[in-house]
């Protein structure tokens, strides 16, 4: 197994143990006093952290802009870019 897989398994086990040990209810002020299980609060915070971490860590999408200099009339295949007079570059 890779180290990434082992890390994910260990974190999953730790989160499960922590959530299962915190099942009692606590009073939160959410536009009035509400009695909410700690399990729900910790689970929502962990899920929010996962989503935000994924969004922050993913690679950015790059937009490929078209090259305005290349038109169908002046397009050449890559093999034709090599000048046959060049001694130091060979096509084959």
N, C-alpha and C. Protein backbone atom coordinates (compact mmCIF):
# COMPACT_ATOMS: atom_id res chain seq x y z
N UNK A 1 0.84 -1.19 0.00
CA UNK A 1 0.00 0.00 0.00
C UNK A 1 0.88 1.24 0.00
N UNK A 2 0.38 2.26 -0.62
CA UNK A 2 1.13 3.50 -0.67
C UNK A 2 0.95 4.27 0.64
N UNK A 3 1.83 5.21 0.86
CA UNK A 3 1.75 6.01 2.08
C UNK A 3 0.49 6.87 2.11
N UNK A 4 0.01 7.28 0.95
CA UNK A 4 -1.23 8.07 0.89
C UNK A 4 -2.42 7.24 1.36
N UNK A 5 -2.49 5.98 0.96
CA UNK A 5 -3.58 5.10 1.37
C UNK A 5 -3.53 4.85 2.87
N UNK A 6 -2.34 4.60 3.41
CA UNK A 6 -2.18 4.37 4.85
C UNK A 6 -2.59 5.61 5.62
N UNK A 7 -2.20 6.78 5.14
CA UNK A 7 -2.57 8.04 5.80
C UNK A 7 -4.09 8.22 5.83
N UNK A 8 -4.76 7.94 4.72
CA UNK A 8 -6.21 8.08 4.65
C UNK A 8 -6.89 7.11 5.61
N UNK A 9 -6.40 5.88 5.71
CA UNK A 9 -6.98 4.89 6.62
C UNK A 9 -6.81 5.34 8.07
N UNK A 10 -5.62 5.81 8.43
CA UNK A 10 -5.36 6.25 9.80
C UNK A 10 -6.24 7.45 10.16
N UNK A 11 -6.36 8.43 9.27
CA UNK A 11 -7.19 9.61 9.53
C UNK A 11 -8.65 9.20 9.67
N UNK A 12 -9.12 8.29 8.82
CA UNK A 12 -10.50 7.82 8.91
C UNK A 12 -10.78 7.14 10.24
N UNK A 13 -9.86 6.31 10.69
CA UNK A 13 -10.03 5.63 11.99
C UNK A 13 -10.05 6.65 13.12
N UNK A 14 -9.13 7.62 13.10
CA UNK A 14 -9.10 8.63 14.15
C UNK A 14 -10.37 9.47 14.18
N UNK A 15 -10.86 9.88 13.02
CA UNK A 15 -12.10 10.67 12.96
C UNK A 15 -13.27 9.86 13.49
N UNK A 16 -13.35 8.58 13.13
CA UNK A 16 -14.43 7.73 13.60
C UNK A 16 -14.40 7.58 15.12
N UNK A 17 -13.22 7.35 15.69
CA UNK A 17 -13.10 7.20 17.15
C UNK A 17 -13.49 8.50 17.85
N UNK A 18 -13.01 9.62 17.36
CA UNK A 18 -13.33 10.91 17.98
C UNK A 18 -14.82 11.20 17.90
N UNK A 19 -15.43 10.95 16.75
CA UNK A 19 -16.86 11.20 16.61
C UNK A 19 -17.70 10.29 17.51
N UNK A 20 -17.31 9.03 17.64
CA UNK A 20 -18.09 8.10 18.45
C UNK A 20 -17.94 8.37 19.95
N UNK A 21 -16.85 8.98 20.36
CA UNK A 21 -16.66 9.30 21.78
C UNK A 21 -17.35 10.61 22.18
N UNK A 22 -17.83 11.39 21.24
CA UNK A 22 -18.44 12.69 21.52
C UNK A 22 -19.89 12.70 21.05
N UNK A 23 -20.71 11.85 21.66
CA UNK A 23 -22.11 11.77 21.25
C UNK A 23 -23.04 12.56 22.16
N UNK A 24 -22.54 13.14 23.24
CA UNK A 24 -23.42 13.89 24.14
C UNK A 24 -23.89 15.18 23.50
N UNK A 25 -24.96 15.75 24.03
CA UNK A 25 -25.53 16.96 23.46
C UNK A 25 -24.94 18.20 24.13
N UNK A 26 -24.78 19.24 23.34
CA UNK A 26 -24.29 20.52 23.83
C UNK A 26 -25.26 21.61 23.36
N UNK A 27 -25.23 22.71 24.05
CA UNK A 27 -26.11 23.83 23.71
C UNK A 27 -25.32 24.84 22.89
N UNK A 28 -25.79 25.11 21.71
CA UNK A 28 -25.19 26.10 20.83
C UNK A 28 -26.18 27.22 20.60
N UNK A 29 -25.65 28.40 20.37
CA UNK A 29 -26.50 29.51 19.99
C UNK A 29 -26.48 29.59 18.48
N UNK A 30 -27.55 29.18 17.86
CA UNK A 30 -27.72 29.32 16.41
C UNK A 30 -29.04 30.05 16.24
N UNK A 31 -29.00 31.37 16.35
CA UNK A 31 -30.19 32.22 16.33
C UNK A 31 -31.19 31.74 17.39
N UNK A 32 -30.67 31.46 18.55
CA UNK A 32 -31.44 30.95 19.69
C UNK A 32 -30.73 29.73 20.22
N UNK A 33 -30.94 29.42 21.48
CA UNK A 33 -30.26 28.26 22.07
C UNK A 33 -30.84 26.97 21.50
N UNK A 34 -29.94 26.13 21.01
CA UNK A 34 -30.33 24.84 20.44
C UNK A 34 -29.49 23.75 21.10
N UNK A 35 -30.10 22.63 21.35
CA UNK A 35 -29.39 21.48 21.89
C UNK A 35 -29.05 20.56 20.72
N UNK A 36 -27.75 20.45 20.41
CA UNK A 36 -27.28 19.71 19.24
C UNK A 36 -26.24 18.69 19.69
N UNK A 37 -26.25 17.48 19.16
CA UNK A 37 -25.21 16.51 19.51
C UNK A 37 -23.83 16.97 19.02
N UNK A 38 -22.82 16.74 19.84
CA UNK A 38 -21.45 17.07 19.43
C UNK A 38 -21.07 16.33 18.16
N UNK A 39 -21.59 15.13 18.02
CA UNK A 39 -21.32 14.32 16.83
C UNK A 39 -21.69 15.06 15.56
N UNK A 40 -22.84 15.72 15.56
CA UNK A 40 -23.28 16.46 14.38
C UNK A 40 -22.38 17.67 14.12
N UNK A 41 -22.03 18.38 15.17
CA UNK A 41 -21.19 19.57 15.02
C UNK A 41 -19.81 19.18 14.50
N UNK A 42 -19.19 18.17 15.13
CA UNK A 42 -17.86 17.74 14.68
C UNK A 42 -17.90 17.18 13.26
N UNK A 43 -18.96 16.42 12.95
CA UNK A 43 -19.09 15.87 11.60
C UNK A 43 -19.23 16.94 10.53
N UNK A 44 -20.04 17.96 10.82
CA UNK A 44 -20.22 19.06 9.87
C UNK A 44 -18.92 19.83 9.69
N UNK A 45 -18.21 20.08 10.79
CA UNK A 45 -16.94 20.81 10.69
C UNK A 45 -15.89 20.01 9.92
N UNK A 46 -15.85 18.70 10.16
CA UNK A 46 -14.90 17.86 9.43
C UNK A 46 -15.24 17.83 7.94
N UNK A 47 -16.52 17.68 7.62
CA UNK A 47 -16.94 17.68 6.21
C UNK A 47 -16.65 19.00 5.52
N UNK A 48 -16.88 20.10 6.24
CA UNK A 48 -16.56 21.42 5.68
C UNK A 48 -15.07 21.55 5.42
N UNK A 49 -14.27 21.05 6.35
CA UNK A 49 -12.81 21.09 6.16
C UNK A 49 -12.36 20.26 4.97
N UNK A 50 -12.99 19.09 4.78
CA UNK A 50 -12.65 18.27 3.61
C UNK A 50 -12.97 18.98 2.31
N UNK A 51 -14.15 19.57 2.25
CA UNK A 51 -14.56 20.26 1.02
C UNK A 51 -13.65 21.46 0.74
N UNK A 52 -13.40 22.27 1.76
CA UNK A 52 -12.54 23.44 1.56
C UNK A 52 -11.10 23.03 1.23
N UNK A 53 -10.61 21.97 1.87
CA UNK A 53 -9.27 21.47 1.57
C UNK A 53 -9.16 20.96 0.15
N UNK A 54 -10.19 20.27 -0.32
CA UNK A 54 -10.18 19.79 -1.71
C UNK A 54 -10.18 20.95 -2.69
N UNK A 55 -11.03 21.94 -2.41
CA UNK A 55 -11.12 23.09 -3.31
C UNK A 55 -9.82 23.89 -3.32
N UNK A 56 -9.16 24.00 -2.19
CA UNK A 56 -7.91 24.76 -2.13
C UNK A 56 -6.75 23.98 -2.73
N UNK A 57 -6.80 22.66 -2.69
CA UNK A 57 -5.67 21.86 -3.13
C UNK A 57 -5.70 21.38 -4.55
N UNK A 58 -6.83 21.48 -5.21
CA UNK A 58 -6.90 20.98 -6.58
C UNK A 58 -6.18 21.95 -7.53
N UNK A 59 -5.67 21.41 -8.63
CA UNK A 59 -4.99 22.28 -9.59
C UNK A 59 -5.96 23.24 -10.25
N UNK A 60 -5.47 24.41 -10.54
CA UNK A 60 -6.31 25.40 -11.21
C UNK A 60 -6.50 25.04 -12.67
N UNK A 61 -7.66 25.37 -13.18
CA UNK A 61 -7.93 25.13 -14.60
C UNK A 61 -7.28 26.26 -15.40
N UNK A 62 -6.53 25.87 -16.41
CA UNK A 62 -5.92 26.87 -17.27
C UNK A 62 -6.68 26.91 -18.58
N UNK A 63 -6.86 28.08 -19.08
CA UNK A 63 -7.60 28.23 -20.32
C UNK A 63 -6.60 28.37 -21.47
N UNK A 64 -6.74 27.52 -22.46
CA UNK A 64 -5.87 27.57 -23.62
C UNK A 64 -6.42 28.61 -24.59
N UNK A 65 -5.63 29.62 -24.82
CA UNK A 65 -6.04 30.64 -25.78
C UNK A 65 -5.59 30.23 -27.18
N UNK A 66 -6.41 30.44 -28.17
CA UNK A 66 -6.00 30.06 -29.53
C UNK A 66 -4.88 30.98 -30.02
N UNK A 67 -3.98 30.40 -30.78
CA UNK A 67 -2.89 31.17 -31.37
C UNK A 67 -3.43 31.88 -32.60
N UNK A 68 -3.46 33.21 -32.56
CA UNK A 68 -4.03 33.96 -33.66
C UNK A 68 -3.17 33.90 -34.93
N UNK A 69 -1.90 33.53 -34.79
CA UNK A 69 -1.01 33.51 -35.95
C UNK A 69 -1.21 32.27 -36.81
N UNK A 70 -1.82 31.22 -36.26
CA UNK A 70 -2.01 29.99 -37.02
C UNK A 70 -3.41 29.99 -37.61
N UNK A 71 -3.47 29.94 -38.91
CA UNK A 71 -4.73 29.82 -39.62
C UNK A 71 -4.65 28.56 -40.48
N UNK A 72 -5.76 28.08 -40.98
CA UNK A 72 -5.69 26.87 -41.82
C UNK A 72 -4.80 27.04 -43.05
N UNK A 73 -4.64 28.28 -43.51
CA UNK A 73 -3.82 28.49 -44.71
C UNK A 73 -2.32 28.36 -44.41
N UNK A 74 -1.87 28.80 -43.22
CA UNK A 74 -0.43 28.78 -42.95
C UNK A 74 -0.04 27.70 -41.95
N UNK A 75 -0.94 26.74 -41.66
CA UNK A 75 -0.61 25.66 -40.73
C UNK A 75 0.28 24.66 -41.42
N UNK A 76 1.32 24.22 -40.72
CA UNK A 76 2.20 23.17 -41.24
C UNK A 76 2.30 22.08 -40.19
N UNK A 77 2.54 20.89 -40.65
CA UNK A 77 2.72 19.76 -39.73
C UNK A 77 4.03 19.95 -38.98
N UNK A 78 4.13 19.40 -37.75
CA UNK A 78 5.36 19.55 -36.98
C UNK A 78 6.61 19.03 -37.68
N UNK A 79 6.49 17.98 -38.51
CA UNK A 79 7.66 17.47 -39.22
C UNK A 79 8.20 18.49 -40.22
N UNK A 80 7.36 19.38 -40.70
CA UNK A 80 7.79 20.36 -41.68
C UNK A 80 8.47 21.57 -41.02
N UNK A 81 8.43 21.64 -39.68
CA UNK A 81 9.08 22.75 -39.00
C UNK A 81 10.60 22.64 -39.05
N UNK A 82 11.11 21.43 -39.21
CA UNK A 82 12.55 21.22 -39.23
C UNK A 82 13.09 21.61 -40.59
N UNK A 83 14.07 22.47 -40.59
CA UNK A 83 14.71 22.90 -41.83
C UNK A 83 15.63 21.79 -42.32
N UNK A 84 15.47 21.32 -43.53
CA UNK A 84 16.33 20.22 -44.02
C UNK A 84 17.80 20.63 -44.13
N UNK A 85 18.10 21.93 -44.12
CA UNK A 85 19.49 22.37 -44.22
C UNK A 85 20.22 22.36 -42.88
N UNK A 86 19.51 22.15 -41.78
CA UNK A 86 20.14 22.11 -40.46
C UNK A 86 20.90 20.82 -40.31
N UNK A 87 22.20 20.92 -40.00
CA UNK A 87 23.05 19.73 -39.83
C UNK A 87 22.85 19.09 -38.46
N UNK A 88 22.53 19.87 -37.47
CA UNK A 88 22.45 19.36 -36.09
C UNK A 88 21.05 18.87 -35.72
N UNK A 89 20.07 19.03 -36.57
CA UNK A 89 18.72 18.53 -36.30
C UNK A 89 18.37 17.54 -37.39
N UNK A 90 17.90 16.38 -36.95
CA UNK A 90 17.51 15.35 -37.90
C UNK A 90 16.05 14.99 -37.68
N UNK A 91 15.33 14.76 -38.77
CA UNK A 91 13.93 14.38 -38.66
C UNK A 91 13.81 12.94 -38.16
N UNK A 92 14.78 12.09 -38.42
CA UNK A 92 14.66 10.67 -38.08
C UNK A 92 15.77 10.23 -37.19
